[in-house]
Amino acid sequence: MTVTAKNSIRQNAYALVSRHIGGDRVRVQRMISAQFGGYRGLPRHAGDYFFSKNGKMIRASLALLLAKECGAINQRVCRFAAAVELIHAASLIHDDIIDGEALRRGRATLNKKWNNKVALLFGDLVFVKAFGLFNSLEHQKINKKLLAAVDEMCVAQLVESERRFDLSMTPDAYLGIAGGKTAALFELCGFGALALSDADAAAGASVGRSIGMAFQLLDDADDIGANDLTEGYFTYPLLHTLRHCGAADKRALRKRLRPGITADERDEVKNIIVRTGGLTAGNERAAGYLDKAQSELKRAGLASTALFSLIDELRARSGV
């Protein structure tokens, strides 16, 4: 699939999703902004700065689309979607501190614009706001699922940190990490959206988990040869390559995969991954999770055009 074809599919899919839930997504954005509107000084400035440039809100979009397929999107569903986005935002802020990132969505991170202390405290505040919205739903099962998701996210990040530059890690072990640090929150999206719609929450959780796994694998594919290698976070394409490439390539990889890897060495590693099929394997694994999500939607009677368009948008990234 050509780059032009991929972009066309993604743009068309995103446009369809926006037509379906665009107004509801705006409501969610306003709810998020309102969480910090009552403050003065730095809490207000940091909130305005960070949330003035939103991403595509794929987690909130998934929740809204699932809820709409089950009926109308009500205020509780929007509060839930906002709470999920706040959890995600807080995790990004903390990630930027841990990784020393200077840019997020094309501009300075909070830790770069201010400092680590401000970013850490504001990230904590964002978590508090998320928990407040979850509590306002007065839904014990969703709150229980929230705690399980955040627990899984934190543990996965700790395991990932422990296994930096670990050449013995297997692709399956990495999928376990991906399930915790990314798919757990997507699972919460699906569970909560259907629980609030009096539908099959377990089915929603399964759909969300599959989409979250695909999302992380596609994100890994976009980053091969860049930040992950520098930090020693070995992802699926590299781990697959290490187990399937020839002896010469394996020696070359093991020589370069170490702290202090240079830009030229990163490029060499990337070339080996692409040439030996590691990138393709990662994209195919992601496509498999998207196929699973579509099958789960059909079984649950939730196979709407808009939901499938969300999946198509992700599938276009894989080129499979």
Protein backbone atom coordinates (compact mmCIF):
# COMPACT_ATOMS: atom_id res chain seq x y z
CA MET A 1 0.00 0.00 0.00
CA THR A 2 1.41 3.38 -1.02
CA VAL A 3 1.82 6.27 1.43
CA THR A 4 -0.80 8.21 -0.54
CA ALA A 5 -3.29 5.35 -0.26
CA LYS A 6 -2.63 4.99 3.47
CA ASN A 7 -3.17 8.70 4.06
CA SER A 8 -6.37 8.69 2.02
CA ILE A 9 -7.83 5.80 4.03
CA ARG A 10 -6.86 7.43 7.31
CA GLN A 11 -8.31 10.80 6.35
CA ASN A 12 -11.58 9.30 5.13
CA ALA A 13 -11.92 7.11 8.20
CA TYR A 14 -11.16 9.98 10.57
CA ALA A 15 -13.67 12.20 8.77
CA LEU A 16 -16.39 9.55 9.08
CA VAL A 17 -15.70 9.06 12.79
CA SER A 18 -15.74 12.85 13.29
CA ARG A 19 -19.11 13.15 11.57
CA HIS A 20 -20.48 10.42 13.81
CA ILE A 21 -19.26 11.71 17.19
CA GLY A 22 -17.63 15.08 16.46
CA GLY A 23 -20.03 17.05 18.63
CA ASP A 24 -19.71 14.60 21.50
CA ARG A 25 -15.93 14.73 21.30
CA VAL A 26 -16.11 18.52 21.63
CA ARG A 27 -18.24 18.06 24.75
CA VAL A 28 -15.56 15.79 26.18
CA GLN A 29 -12.83 18.32 25.38
CA ARG A 30 -14.81 21.04 27.16
CA MET A 31 -15.26 18.81 30.20
CA ILE A 32 -11.51 18.27 30.34
CA SER A 33 -10.77 22.00 30.08
CA ALA A 34 -13.37 22.77 32.74
CA GLN A 35 -11.45 20.67 35.27
CA PHE A 36 -8.81 23.40 35.46
CA GLY A 37 -10.92 26.49 34.74
CA GLY A 38 -11.52 27.27 38.41
CA TYR A 39 -7.84 27.64 39.24
CA ARG A 40 -5.61 30.68 39.09
CA GLY A 41 -1.92 30.93 38.48
CA LEU A 42 0.22 27.94 37.54
CA PRO A 43 -2.44 25.19 37.79
CA ARG A 44 -4.62 27.14 35.35
CA HIS A 45 -1.72 28.05 33.04
CA ALA A 46 -0.42 24.48 32.90
CA GLY A 47 -3.92 23.13 32.21
CA ASP A 48 -4.59 25.66 29.46
CA TYR A 49 -1.20 24.97 27.91
CA PHE A 50 -1.29 21.16 27.96
CA PHE A 51 -4.92 20.67 26.94
CA SER A 52 -5.12 23.41 24.33
CA LYS A 53 -3.61 21.03 21.79
CA ASN A 54 -5.39 17.69 21.88
CA GLY A 55 -4.50 14.58 19.94
CA LYS A 56 -7.07 12.51 18.09
CA MET A 57 -8.53 11.30 21.41
CA ILE A 58 -8.74 7.73 20.13
CA ARG A 59 -9.55 6.34 23.58
CA ALA A 60 -12.44 8.72 24.11
CA SER A 61 -13.55 8.13 20.52
CA LEU A 62 -13.69 4.39 21.08
CA ALA A 63 -15.83 4.85 24.20
CA LEU A 64 -18.16 7.31 22.46
CA LEU A 65 -18.58 5.13 19.36
CA LEU A 66 -19.36 2.02 21.41
CA ALA A 67 -21.87 3.91 23.56
CA LYS A 68 -23.54 5.46 20.51
CA GLU A 69 -23.93 2.04 18.91
CA CYS A 70 -25.87 1.00 22.02
CA GLY A 71 -28.06 4.10 22.00
CA ALA A 72 -27.64 7.79 22.78
CA ILE A 73 -24.46 9.24 24.25
CA ASN A 74 -25.42 10.75 27.59
CA GLN A 75 -23.63 13.00 30.07
CA ARG A 76 -22.26 10.08 32.07
CA VAL A 77 -20.64 8.56 29.00
CA CYS A 78 -19.01 11.90 28.19
CA ARG A 79 -17.72 12.20 31.76
CA PHE A 80 -16.32 8.69 31.48
CA ALA A 81 -14.61 9.49 28.16
CA ALA A 82 -13.13 12.65 29.67
CA ALA A 83 -11.87 10.71 32.69
CA VAL A 84 -10.14 8.14 30.46
CA GLU A 85 -8.44 10.90 28.47
CA LEU A 86 -7.26 12.50 31.71
CA ILE A 87 -5.72 9.20 32.86
CA HIS A 88 -3.94 8.98 29.51
CA ALA A 89 -2.81 12.62 29.73
CA ALA A 90 -1.39 12.15 33.23
CA SER A 91 0.55 9.09 32.08
CA LEU A 92 2.00 11.08 29.15
CA ILE A 93 3.12 13.89 31.45
CA HIS A 94 4.86 11.43 33.75
CA ASP A 95 6.40 9.59 30.76
CA ASP A 96 7.87 12.86 29.50
CA ILE A 97 9.53 13.43 32.86
CA ILE A 98 10.92 9.88 33.03
CA ASP A 99 12.22 9.96 29.45
CA GLY A 100 13.42 13.57 29.56
CA GLU A 101 11.32 14.43 26.52
CA ALA A 102 11.49 18.01 25.26
CA LEU A 103 8.63 17.88 22.75
CA ARG A 104 5.05 16.59 22.84
CA ARG A 105 2.71 17.14 19.87
CA GLY A 106 5.16 19.51 18.25
CA ARG A 107 5.82 21.84 21.18
CA ALA A 108 7.61 21.94 24.51
CA THR A 109 6.60 19.41 27.16
CA LEU A 110 5.57 20.66 30.58
CA ASN A 111 8.92 19.59 32.03
CA LYS A 112 10.73 21.55 29.33
CA LYS A 113 8.50 24.65 29.47
CA TRP A 114 8.62 24.77 33.27
CA ASN A 115 10.54 22.01 35.08
CA ASN A 116 10.21 18.44 36.34
CA LYS A 117 8.67 19.50 39.66
CA VAL A 118 5.88 21.46 37.99
CA ALA A 119 5.23 18.69 35.49
CA LEU A 120 5.14 16.01 38.19
CA LEU A 121 2.75 17.95 40.40
CA PHE A 122 0.49 18.86 37.49
CA GLY A 123 0.46 15.24 36.32
CA ASP A 124 -0.65 14.23 39.82
CA LEU A 125 -3.38 16.87 39.68
CA VAL A 126 -4.59 15.48 36.36
CA PHE A 127 -4.84 12.02 37.95
CA VAL A 128 -6.89 13.50 40.81
CA LYS A 129 -9.27 15.14 38.33
CA ALA A 130 -9.66 11.84 36.48
CA PHE A 131 -10.45 9.96 39.68
CA GLY A 132 -12.99 12.64 40.59
CA LEU A 133 -14.84 12.15 37.32
CA PHE A 134 -14.79 8.38 37.72
CA ASN A 135 -16.15 8.71 41.24
CA SER A 136 -18.98 10.94 39.99
CA LEU A 137 -20.23 8.06 37.85
CA GLU A 138 -21.07 6.10 41.02
CA HIS A 139 -20.40 2.83 39.21
CA GLN A 140 -18.58 0.30 41.38
CA LYS A 141 -17.65 -2.07 38.55
CA ILE A 142 -16.11 0.72 36.48
CA ASN A 143 -14.13 1.99 39.47
CA LYS A 144 -12.87 -1.53 40.12
CA LYS A 145 -11.86 -1.85 36.47
CA LEU A 146 -10.13 1.56 36.66
CA LEU A 147 -7.98 0.49 39.59
CA ALA A 148 -7.05 -2.73 37.80
CA ALA A 149 -6.10 -0.80 34.65
CA VAL A 150 -3.91 1.74 36.46
CA ASP A 151 -2.29 -1.08 38.45
CA GLU A 152 -1.51 -2.91 35.20
CA MET A 153 -0.15 0.25 33.57
CA CYS A 154 2.24 0.96 36.45
CA VAL A 155 3.48 -2.62 36.76
CA ALA A 156 4.09 -2.87 33.01
CA GLN A 157 6.11 0.34 33.03
CA LEU A 158 8.22 -0.99 35.91
CA VAL A 159 8.84 -4.29 34.12
CA GLU A 160 9.74 -2.41 30.94
CA SER A 161 12.23 -0.27 32.86
CA GLU A 162 13.72 -3.36 34.49
CA ARG A 163 14.27 -4.99 31.10
CA ARG A 164 16.00 -2.10 29.32
CA PHE A 165 18.71 -3.38 26.94
CA ASP A 166 17.64 -6.96 27.76
CA LEU A 167 18.51 -9.04 24.69
CA SER A 168 16.94 -12.15 26.23
CA MET A 169 13.42 -10.72 26.20
CA THR A 170 11.04 -12.60 23.91
CA PRO A 171 8.36 -11.12 21.64
CA ASP A 172 5.68 -12.69 23.84
CA ALA A 173 7.16 -11.09 26.94
CA TYR A 174 7.01 -7.75 25.16
CA LEU A 175 3.35 -8.30 24.26
CA GLY A 176 2.71 -8.71 27.98
CA ILE A 177 4.26 -5.30 28.62
CA ALA A 178 2.27 -3.75 25.76
CA GLY A 179 -0.91 -5.22 27.20
CA GLY A 180 -0.28 -3.47 30.48
CA LYS A 181 1.07 -0.09 29.49
CA THR A 182 -1.37 0.54 26.62
CA ALA A 183 -4.09 -2.05 26.08
CA ALA A 184 -5.31 -1.97 29.70
CA LEU A 185 -6.63 1.57 29.29
CA PHE A 186 -8.28 0.74 25.96
CA GLU A 187 -9.89 -2.23 27.71
CA LEU A 188 -11.26 0.13 30.35
CA CYS A 189 -12.69 2.31 27.54
CA GLY A 190 -14.64 -0.57 26.06
CA PHE A 191 -15.77 -1.91 29.42
CA GLY A 192 -17.00 1.41 30.78
CA ALA A 193 -18.76 2.54 27.61
CA LEU A 194 -20.88 -0.60 27.47
CA ALA A 195 -21.37 -0.82 31.24
CA LEU A 196 -22.86 2.69 31.19
CA SER A 197 -25.04 1.66 28.24
CA ASP A 198 -26.38 -1.43 30.06
CA ALA A 199 -24.76 -3.63 27.40
CA ASP A 200 -22.19 -6.44 27.47
CA ALA A 201 -19.26 -4.78 29.23
CA ALA A 202 -17.07 -7.87 28.87
CA ALA A 203 -17.46 -7.73 25.09
CA GLY A 204 -16.49 -4.05 25.14
CA ALA A 205 -13.43 -4.84 27.25
CA SER A 206 -12.31 -7.51 24.78
CA VAL A 207 -12.72 -5.17 21.80
CA GLY A 208 -10.82 -2.44 23.60
CA ARG A 209 -7.99 -4.78 24.54
CA SER A 210 -7.52 -5.92 20.95
CA ILE A 211 -7.53 -2.36 19.59
CA GLY A 212 -5.09 -1.27 22.30
CA MET A 213 -2.65 -4.06 21.42
CA ALA A 214 -2.76 -3.08 17.75
CA PHE A 215 -2.30 0.59 18.64
CA GLN A 216 0.87 -0.12 20.64
CA LEU A 217 2.36 -2.37 17.96
CA LEU A 218 1.74 0.29 15.31
CA ASP A 219 3.29 2.91 17.56
CA ASP A 220 6.35 0.68 17.92
CA ALA A 221 6.62 0.38 14.14
CA ASP A 222 6.62 4.18 13.81
CA ASP A 223 9.47 4.49 16.32
CA ILE A 224 11.93 1.80 15.20
CA GLY A 225 15.43 3.16 15.01
CA ALA A 226 14.61 6.16 17.20
CA ASN A 227 13.81 6.85 20.86
CA ASP A 228 13.07 3.28 21.93
CA LEU A 229 16.53 2.08 20.87
CA THR A 230 18.27 5.00 22.57
CA GLU A 231 16.47 4.28 25.84
CA GLY A 232 16.94 0.52 25.55
CA TYR A 233 13.25 -0.32 25.20
CA PHE A 234 13.23 -3.25 22.78
CA THR A 235 9.90 -3.60 20.99
CA TYR A 236 8.23 -6.29 18.92
CA PRO A 237 9.89 -5.66 15.50
CA LEU A 238 13.39 -5.81 17.00
CA LEU A 239 12.68 -8.80 19.25
CA HIS A 240 11.16 -10.70 16.32
CA THR A 241 14.25 -9.88 14.23
CA LEU A 242 16.64 -11.09 16.93
CA ARG A 243 14.95 -14.48 16.89
CA HIS A 244 14.60 -14.93 13.13
CA CYS A 245 17.56 -13.19 11.45
CA GLY A 246 20.77 -14.83 10.33
CA ALA A 247 23.90 -15.21 12.43
CA ALA A 248 25.72 -12.23 10.91
CA ASP A 249 22.78 -9.87 11.47
CA LYS A 250 22.34 -11.18 14.99
CA ARG A 251 26.00 -10.45 15.80
CA ALA A 252 25.67 -6.97 14.31
CA LEU A 253 22.58 -6.27 16.40
CA ARG A 254 24.07 -7.54 19.65
CA LYS A 255 27.16 -5.38 19.09
CA ARG A 256 25.09 -2.21 18.66
CA LEU A 257 22.26 -2.69 21.15
CA ARG A 258 23.87 -1.15 24.21
CA PRO A 259 23.74 2.07 26.24
CA GLY A 260 25.25 4.92 24.24
CA ILE A 261 24.10 3.64 20.85
CA THR A 262 24.88 6.26 18.20
CA ALA A 263 22.57 7.70 15.55
CA ASP A 264 24.42 5.81 12.82
CA GLU A 265 24.09 2.57 14.76
CA ARG A 266 20.37 3.18 15.23
CA ASP A 267 20.02 3.55 11.47
CA GLU A 268 21.93 0.29 10.95
CA VAL A 269 19.65 -1.51 13.41
CA LYS A 270 16.58 -0.11 11.69
CA ASN A 271 17.81 -1.27 8.31
CA ILE A 272 18.35 -4.80 9.63
CA ILE A 273 14.86 -4.85 11.17
CA VAL A 274 13.25 -3.73 7.91
CA ARG A 275 15.36 -5.97 5.67
CA THR A 276 14.81 -9.14 7.70
CA GLY A 277 11.04 -8.71 8.09
CA GLY A 278 10.78 -7.52 11.69
CA LEU A 279 8.76 -4.45 10.76
CA THR A 280 6.43 -6.51 8.59
CA ALA A 281 5.97 -9.03 11.40
CA GLY A 282 4.99 -6.28 13.81
CA ASN A 283 2.49 -4.78 11.37
CA GLU A 284 1.01 -8.21 10.64
CA ARG A 285 0.63 -8.87 14.36
CA ALA A 286 -1.14 -5.52 14.72
CA ALA A 287 -3.44 -6.37 11.80
CA GLY A 288 -4.28 -9.64 13.52
CA TYR A 289 -5.43 -7.80 16.62
CA LEU A 290 -7.55 -5.48 14.45
CA ASP A 291 -9.12 -8.52 12.75
CA LYS A 292 -9.90 -9.89 16.20
CA ALA A 293 -11.51 -6.61 17.24
CA GLN A 294 -13.74 -6.61 14.16
CA SER A 295 -14.81 -10.21 14.82
CA GLU A 296 -15.59 -9.34 18.44
CA LEU A 297 -17.67 -6.35 17.35
CA LYS A 298 -19.67 -8.54 14.97
CA ARG A 299 -20.30 -11.16 17.66
CA ALA A 300 -21.49 -8.45 20.05
CA GLY A 301 -23.80 -6.93 17.42
CA LEU A 302 -21.81 -3.70 17.35
CA ALA A 303 -20.49 -3.80 13.78
CA SER A 304 -21.22 -0.20 12.81
CA THR A 305 -19.58 1.64 9.92
CA ALA A 306 -18.13 4.23 12.28
CA LEU A 307 -16.52 1.65 14.58
CA PHE A 308 -15.06 -0.17 11.61
CA SER A 309 -13.76 3.16 10.29
CA LEU A 310 -11.85 3.66 13.53
CA ILE A 311 -10.25 0.26 12.96
CA ASP A 312 -9.62 1.08 9.29
CA GLU A 313 -7.79 4.23 10.34
CA LEU A 314 -5.41 2.10 12.41
CA ARG A 315 -5.14 -0.61 9.77
CA ALA A 316 -3.97 1.93 7.20
CA ARG A 317 -0.94 2.60 9.39
CA SER A 318 0.08 -1.06 9.14
CA GLY A 319 -0.27 -1.26 5.38
CA VAL A 320 -1.54 -4.84 5.78
